[in-house]
C-alpha atoms as a PDB file:
ATOM      1  CA  MET A   1       0.062  -0.081  -0.084  1.00  0.00           C
ATOM      2  CA  LYS A   2       1.027   3.440  -0.933  1.00  0.00           C
ATOM      3  CA  GLU A   3       0.456   5.985   1.708  1.00  0.00           C
ATOM      4  CA  ALA A   4      -0.186   9.606   2.047  1.00  0.00           C
ATOM      5  CA  LEU A   5      -0.249  12.349   5.115  1.00  0.00           C
ATOM      6  CA  LEU A   6      -2.654  14.741   4.862  1.00  0.00           C
ATOM      7  CA  ILE A   7      -2.563  17.704   6.938  1.00  0.00           C
ATOM      8  CA  ILE A   8      -5.893  19.232   6.980  1.00  0.00           C
ATOM      9  CA  ASP A   9      -6.588  22.984   8.077  1.00  0.00           C
ATOM     10  CA  MET A  10      -3.604  23.587  10.324  1.00  0.00           C
ATOM     11  CA  LEU A  11      -4.109  27.281   9.125  1.00  0.00           C
ATOM     12  CA  ASN A  12      -3.550  30.275  11.092  1.00  0.00           C
ATOM     13  CA  ASP A  13      -7.104  31.253  11.728  1.00  0.00           C
ATOM     14  CA  PHE A  14      -7.604  27.821  13.467  1.00  0.00           C
ATOM     15  CA  VAL A  15      -4.044  27.464  15.411  1.00  0.00           C
ATOM     16  CA  LEU A  16      -2.866  30.813  16.445  1.00  0.00           C
ATOM     17  CA  THR A  17      -4.277  32.265  19.912  1.00  0.00           C
ATOM     18  CA  GLY A  18      -6.872  34.753  19.160  1.00  0.00           C
ATOM     19  CA  ALA A  19      -7.515  33.618  16.090  1.00  0.00           C
ATOM     20  CA  PRO A  20     -11.390  33.808  14.015  1.00  0.00           C
ATOM     21  CA  LEU A  21     -11.911  30.377  14.554  1.00  0.00           C
ATOM     22  CA  GLU A  22      -9.224  29.374  17.309  1.00  0.00           C
ATOM     23  CA  VAL A  23      -9.364  25.549  18.239  1.00  0.00           C
ATOM     24  CA  PRO A  24      -6.911  25.769  21.258  1.00  0.00           C
ATOM     25  CA  ALA A  25      -6.180  21.918  21.104  1.00  0.00           C
ATOM     26  CA  THR A  26      -4.325  22.133  17.537  1.00  0.00           C
ATOM     27  CA  ARG A  27      -1.560  23.744  19.963  1.00  0.00           C
ATOM     28  CA  THR A  28      -1.598  20.627  21.838  1.00  0.00           C
ATOM     29  CA  ILE A  29      -1.059  18.197  18.858  1.00  0.00           C
ATOM     30  CA  LEU A  30       1.292  20.926  17.016  1.00  0.00           C
ATOM     31  CA  PRO A  31       4.529  19.068  18.158  1.00  0.00           C
ATOM     32  CA  THR A  32       3.292  15.481  17.803  1.00  0.00           C
ATOM     33  CA  LEU A  33       2.296  16.686  13.907  1.00  0.00           C
ATOM     34  CA  LYS A  34       5.308  18.091  13.199  1.00  0.00           C
ATOM     35  CA  SER A  35       7.117  14.883  14.055  1.00  0.00           C
ATOM     36  CA  ARG A  36       4.759  12.750  12.379  1.00  0.00           C
ATOM     37  CA  LEU A  37       5.444  15.247   8.950  1.00  0.00           C
ATOM     38  CA  GLU A  38       9.246  15.430   9.563  1.00  0.00           C
ATOM     39  CA  ALA A  39       9.047  11.180   9.833  1.00  0.00           C
ATOM     40  CA  ALA A  40       6.649  11.395   6.544  1.00  0.00           C
ATOM     41  CA  ARG A  41       9.185  13.657   4.510  1.00  0.00           C
ATOM     42  CA  ALA A  42      12.269  11.353   5.824  1.00  0.00           C
ATOM     43  CA  LYS A  43      10.273   8.384   4.397  1.00  0.00           C
ATOM     44  CA  GLY A  44       9.685   9.580   1.130  1.00  0.00           C
ATOM     45  CA  VAL A  45       5.856   9.602   1.996  1.00  0.00           C
ATOM     46  CA  PRO A  46       4.050  12.063   0.155  1.00  0.00           C
ATOM     47  CA  VAL A  47       2.221  15.197   1.959  1.00  0.00           C
ATOM     48  CA  ILE A  48      -0.833  17.019   0.850  1.00  0.00           C
ATOM     49  CA  TYR A  49      -2.305  20.104   2.852  1.00  0.00           C
ATOM     50  CA  ILE A  50      -6.095  20.330   2.672  1.00  0.00           C
ATOM     51  CA  CYS A  51      -6.818  23.810   3.183  1.00  0.00           C
ATOM     52  CA  ASP A  52      -9.793  25.866   4.077  1.00  0.00           C
ATOM     53  CA  ALA A  53      -9.751  28.906   1.216  1.00  0.00           C
ATOM     54  CA  HIS A  54     -13.100  30.999   1.719  1.00  0.00           C
ATOM     55  CA  ARG A  55     -14.344  34.104  -0.231  1.00  0.00           C
ATOM     56  CA  PRO A  56     -15.097  37.014   1.785  1.00  0.00           C
ATOM     57  CA  ASP A  57     -18.892  36.642   1.441  1.00  0.00           C
ATOM     58  CA  ASP A  58     -18.906  32.436   2.004  1.00  0.00           C
ATOM     59  CA  PRO A  59     -22.411  31.400   2.263  1.00  0.00           C
ATOM     60  CA  GLU A  60     -20.939  28.777   5.020  1.00  0.00           C
ATOM     61  CA  PHE A  61     -20.009  32.308   7.287  1.00  0.00           C
ATOM     62  CA  SER A  62     -23.912  33.136   8.038  1.00  0.00           C
ATOM     63  CA  ARG A  63     -25.187  29.577   7.185  1.00  0.00           C
ATOM     64  CA  MET A  64     -23.186  28.136   9.998  1.00  0.00           C
ATOM     65  CA  GLY A  65     -22.813  30.829  11.880  1.00  0.00           C
ATOM     66  CA  TRP A  66     -19.019  30.435  12.034  1.00  0.00           C
ATOM     67  CA  PRO A  67     -17.052  34.040  11.749  1.00  0.00           C
ATOM     68  CA  PRO A  68     -15.422  34.640   8.788  1.00  0.00           C
ATOM     69  CA  HIS A  69     -11.674  32.659   8.657  1.00  0.00           C
ATOM     70  CA  ALA A  70      -9.492  31.205   6.233  1.00  0.00           C
ATOM     71  CA  VAL A  71     -10.301  34.086   3.679  1.00  0.00           C
ATOM     72  CA  LYS A  72      -8.330  33.140   0.190  1.00  0.00           C
ATOM     73  CA  GLY A  73      -5.350  35.239  -0.034  1.00  0.00           C
ATOM     74  CA  THR A  74      -5.009  36.249   3.840  1.00  0.00           C
ATOM     75  CA  PRO A  75      -2.442  35.526   6.683  1.00  0.00           C
ATOM     76  CA  GLY A  76      -5.110  33.504   8.430  1.00  0.00           C
ATOM     77  CA  ALA A  77      -5.527  31.017   5.708  1.00  0.00           C
ATOM     78  CA  ARG A  78      -1.903  29.996   5.467  1.00  0.00           C
ATOM     79  CA  VAL A  79      -0.576  26.990   6.912  1.00  0.00           C
ATOM     80  CA  VAL A  80       1.090  27.499  10.672  1.00  0.00           C
ATOM     81  CA  ALA A  81       4.838  28.074   9.927  1.00  0.00           C
ATOM     82  CA  GLU A  82       6.003  25.095  11.992  1.00  0.00           C
ATOM     83  CA  LEU A  83       3.964  23.083   9.606  1.00  0.00           C
ATOM     84  CA  ALA A  84       4.666  24.875   6.005  1.00  0.00           C
ATOM     85  CA  PRO A  85       4.167  22.998   2.914  1.00  0.00           C
ATOM     86  CA  LEU A  86       7.429  22.372   0.639  1.00  0.00           C
ATOM     87  CA  GLU A  87       7.110  23.900  -3.069  1.00  0.00           C
ATOM     88  CA  THR A  88       6.568  20.117  -4.133  1.00  0.00           C
ATOM     89  CA  ASP A  89       3.867  19.704  -1.647  1.00  0.00           C
ATOM     90  CA  PRO A  90       0.624  19.522  -2.904  1.00  0.00           C
ATOM     91  CA  VAL A  91      -1.853  22.015  -1.013  1.00  0.00           C
ATOM     92  CA  VAL A  92      -5.618  21.247  -2.058  1.00  0.00           C
ATOM     93  CA  GLU A  93      -8.003  24.158  -1.376  1.00  0.00           C
ATOM     94  CA  LYS A  94     -11.361  23.679  -0.209  1.00  0.00           C
ATOM     95  CA  SER A  95     -14.495  25.861   0.488  1.00  0.00           C
ATOM     96  CA  SER A  96     -16.248  23.383   2.434  1.00  0.00           C
ATOM     97  CA  TYR A  97     -15.702  20.524   4.870  1.00  0.00           C
ATOM     98  CA  SER A  98     -15.440  18.195   2.074  1.00  0.00           C
ATOM     99  CA  GLY A  99     -11.681  17.374   0.658  1.00  0.00           C
ATOM    100  CA  PHE A 100     -12.713  15.711  -2.320  1.00  0.00           C
ATOM    101  CA  HIS A 101     -15.761  18.066  -3.768  1.00  0.00           C
ATOM    102  CA  HIS A 102     -14.612  20.175  -6.182  1.00  0.00           C
ATOM    103  CA  THR A 103     -10.562  20.206  -5.082  1.00  0.00           C
ATOM    104  CA  GLY A 104      -8.944  17.859  -7.102  1.00  0.00           C
ATOM    105  CA  LEU A 105      -7.763  15.554  -4.490  1.00  0.00           C
ATOM    106  CA  GLU A 106      -8.910  12.285  -5.909  1.00  0.00           C
ATOM    107  CA  GLY A 107      -7.109  12.884  -8.862  1.00  0.00           C
ATOM    108  CA  ILE A 108      -3.485  14.004  -6.839  1.00  0.00           C
ATOM    109  CA  LEU A 109      -4.377  10.899  -4.972  1.00  0.00           C
ATOM    110  CA  GLN A 110      -4.448   8.569  -8.162  1.00  0.00           C
ATOM    111  CA  ALA A 111      -1.475  10.267  -9.820  1.00  0.00           C
ATOM    112  CA  LEU A 112       0.283   9.088  -6.814  1.00  0.00           C
ATOM    113  CA  GLY A 113      -0.958   5.713  -6.795  1.00  0.00           C
ATOM    114  CA  ILE A 114      -2.082   6.241  -3.421  1.00  0.00           C
ATOM    115  CA  ASP A 115      -4.279   3.784  -1.340  1.00  0.00           C
ATOM    116  CA  ARG A 116      -3.953   4.386   2.096  1.00  0.00           C
ATOM    117  CA  LEU A 117      -4.511   7.941   3.917  1.00  0.00           C
ATOM    118  CA  VAL A 118      -3.207   9.198   7.267  1.00  0.00           C
ATOM    119  CA  LEU A 119      -5.625  11.966   8.277  1.00  0.00           C
ATOM    120  CA  THR A 120      -4.242  14.933  10.524  1.00  0.00           C
ATOM    121  CA  GLY A 121      -5.227  18.282  11.572  1.00  0.00           C
ATOM    122  CA  VAL A 122      -8.489  19.783  12.677  1.00  0.00           C
ATOM    123  CA  VAL A 123     -11.501  19.589  13.614  1.00  0.00           C
ATOM    124  CA  THR A 124     -11.746  15.854  14.693  1.00  0.00           C
ATOM    125  CA  ASN A 125     -15.571  15.851  14.442  1.00  0.00           C
ATOM    126  CA  ILE A 126     -15.893  17.943  11.042  1.00  0.00           C
ATOM    127  CA  CYS A 127     -13.311  18.082   8.545  1.00  0.00           C
ATOM    128  CA  ILE A 128     -11.832  15.245   9.636  1.00  0.00           C
ATOM    129  CA  LEU A 129     -14.327  13.467   9.926  1.00  0.00           C
ATOM    130  CA  TYR A 130     -16.215  13.966   6.654  1.00  0.00           C
ATOM    131  CA  ILE A 131     -13.102  13.576   4.948  1.00  0.00           C
ATOM    132  CA  ALA A 132     -13.109  10.285   6.417  1.00  0.00           C
ATOM    133  CA  TYR A 133     -16.017   9.508   5.148  1.00  0.00           C
ATOM    134  CA  GLU A 134     -15.557  10.541   1.621  1.00  0.00           C
ATOM    135  CA  ALA A 135     -11.871   8.492   1.639  1.00  0.00           C
ATOM    136  CA  VAL A 136     -13.802   5.353   2.842  1.00  0.00           C
ATOM    137  CA  ILE A 137     -16.650   5.205   0.235  1.00  0.00           C
ATOM    138  CA  ARG A 138     -14.058   5.984  -2.362  1.00  0.00           C
ATOM    139  CA  GLY A 139     -12.134   3.078  -1.426  1.00  0.00           C
ATOM    140  CA  TYR A 140      -9.134   4.378   0.354  1.00  0.00           C
ATOM    141  CA  GLN A 141      -7.895   2.671   3.763  1.00  0.00           C
ATOM    142  CA  VAL A 142      -8.092   5.459   6.333  1.00  0.00           C
ATOM    143  CA  ILE A 143      -5.751   5.919   9.419  1.00  0.00           C
ATOM    144  CA  VAL A 144      -6.747   8.555  12.097  1.00  0.00           C
ATOM    145  CA  PRO A 145      -4.037   8.777  14.923  1.00  0.00           C
ATOM    146  CA  ALA A 146      -6.087  10.334  17.490  1.00  0.00           C
ATOM    147  CA  ASP A 147      -2.845  12.496  18.964  1.00  0.00           C
ATOM    148  CA  SER A 148      -2.574  14.132  15.767  1.00  0.00           C
ATOM    149  CA  VAL A 149      -6.360  15.362  15.342  1.00  0.00           C
ATOM    150  CA  ALA A 150      -7.682  18.248  17.316  1.00  0.00           C
ATOM    151  CA  PRO A 151     -11.667  18.953  18.539  1.00  0.00           C
ATOM    152  CA  LEU A 152     -13.414  21.935  19.535  1.00  0.00           C
ATOM    153  CA  ASP A 153     -15.016  20.366  22.142  1.00  0.00           C
ATOM    154  CA  PRO A 154     -13.311  16.881  23.447  1.00  0.00           C
ATOM    155  CA  ALA A 155     -17.032  14.847  23.544  1.00  0.00           C
ATOM    156  CA  ASP A 156     -17.523  15.918  19.901  1.00  0.00           C
ATOM    157  CA  GLY A 157     -14.053  14.736  18.957  1.00  0.00           C
ATOM    158  CA  ALA A 158     -14.645  11.611  20.974  1.00  0.00           C
ATOM    159  CA  PHE A 159     -17.708  10.905  19.354  1.00  0.00           C
ATOM    160  CA  ALA A 160     -16.386  11.761  15.906  1.00  0.00           C
ATOM    161  CA  LEU A 161     -13.278   8.959  16.318  1.00  0.00           C
ATOM    162  CA  ARG A 162     -15.821   6.350  17.547  1.00  0.00           C
ATOM    163  CA  GLN A 163     -17.922   6.726  14.389  1.00  0.00           C
ATOM    164  CA  MET A 164     -14.794   6.614  12.139  1.00  0.00           C
ATOM    165  CA  GLU A 165     -13.801   3.244  13.952  1.00  0.00           C
ATOM    166  CA  GLN A 166     -17.018   1.722  14.741  1.00  0.00           C
ATOM    167  CA  VAL A 167     -18.920   2.748  11.336  1.00  0.00           C
ATOM    168  CA  LEU A 168     -16.628   3.947   8.525  1.00  0.00           C
ATOM    169  CA  GLY A 169     -13.967   1.131   9.737  1.00  0.00           C
ATOM    170  CA  VAL A 170     -11.188   3.592   9.872  1.00  0.00           C
ATOM    171  CA  GLU A 171      -8.123   2.633  12.068  1.00  0.00           C
ATOM    172  CA  VAL A 172      -7.783   5.074  14.620  1.00  0.00           C
ATOM    173  CA  MET A 173      -4.545   4.934  16.482  1.00  0.00           C
ATOM    174  CA  ARG A 174      -4.681   5.615  20.113  1.00  0.00           C
END
């Protein structure tokens, strides 16, 4: 099996203290995720970044009540410095919770011959969960290291990990 490491939404607008949609747990996972990233690169495992990239008037902001965040072209939409992509790393922009819907991700995975995905980043019960679902229904093997994903709320994160494991058949590494 050929594996890829996906780093999902580890953006300034989620990670930095005082950010518009701050998820404090992202700072807890950051050292572990940085080590995982370095290990993947050392082994030649492809690293793919999946990043929110919203328009300033994105309907998600009013529909979901989220504050404007990760607006395309702003510093808040950039990957945090500790995990910055290399020029050769694919960066896939998304405007919804989906990593696959109108993003080109599947084409990248197919071109690289990837069949196993390691999902990391934020938010466990939102983008991680929905990307896991979409990957599973497309036939990818999915692994989620629990120490490399961050929830907004611990109970919601635990629920999402159970759903991924028990309903989707995702390998949750604890």
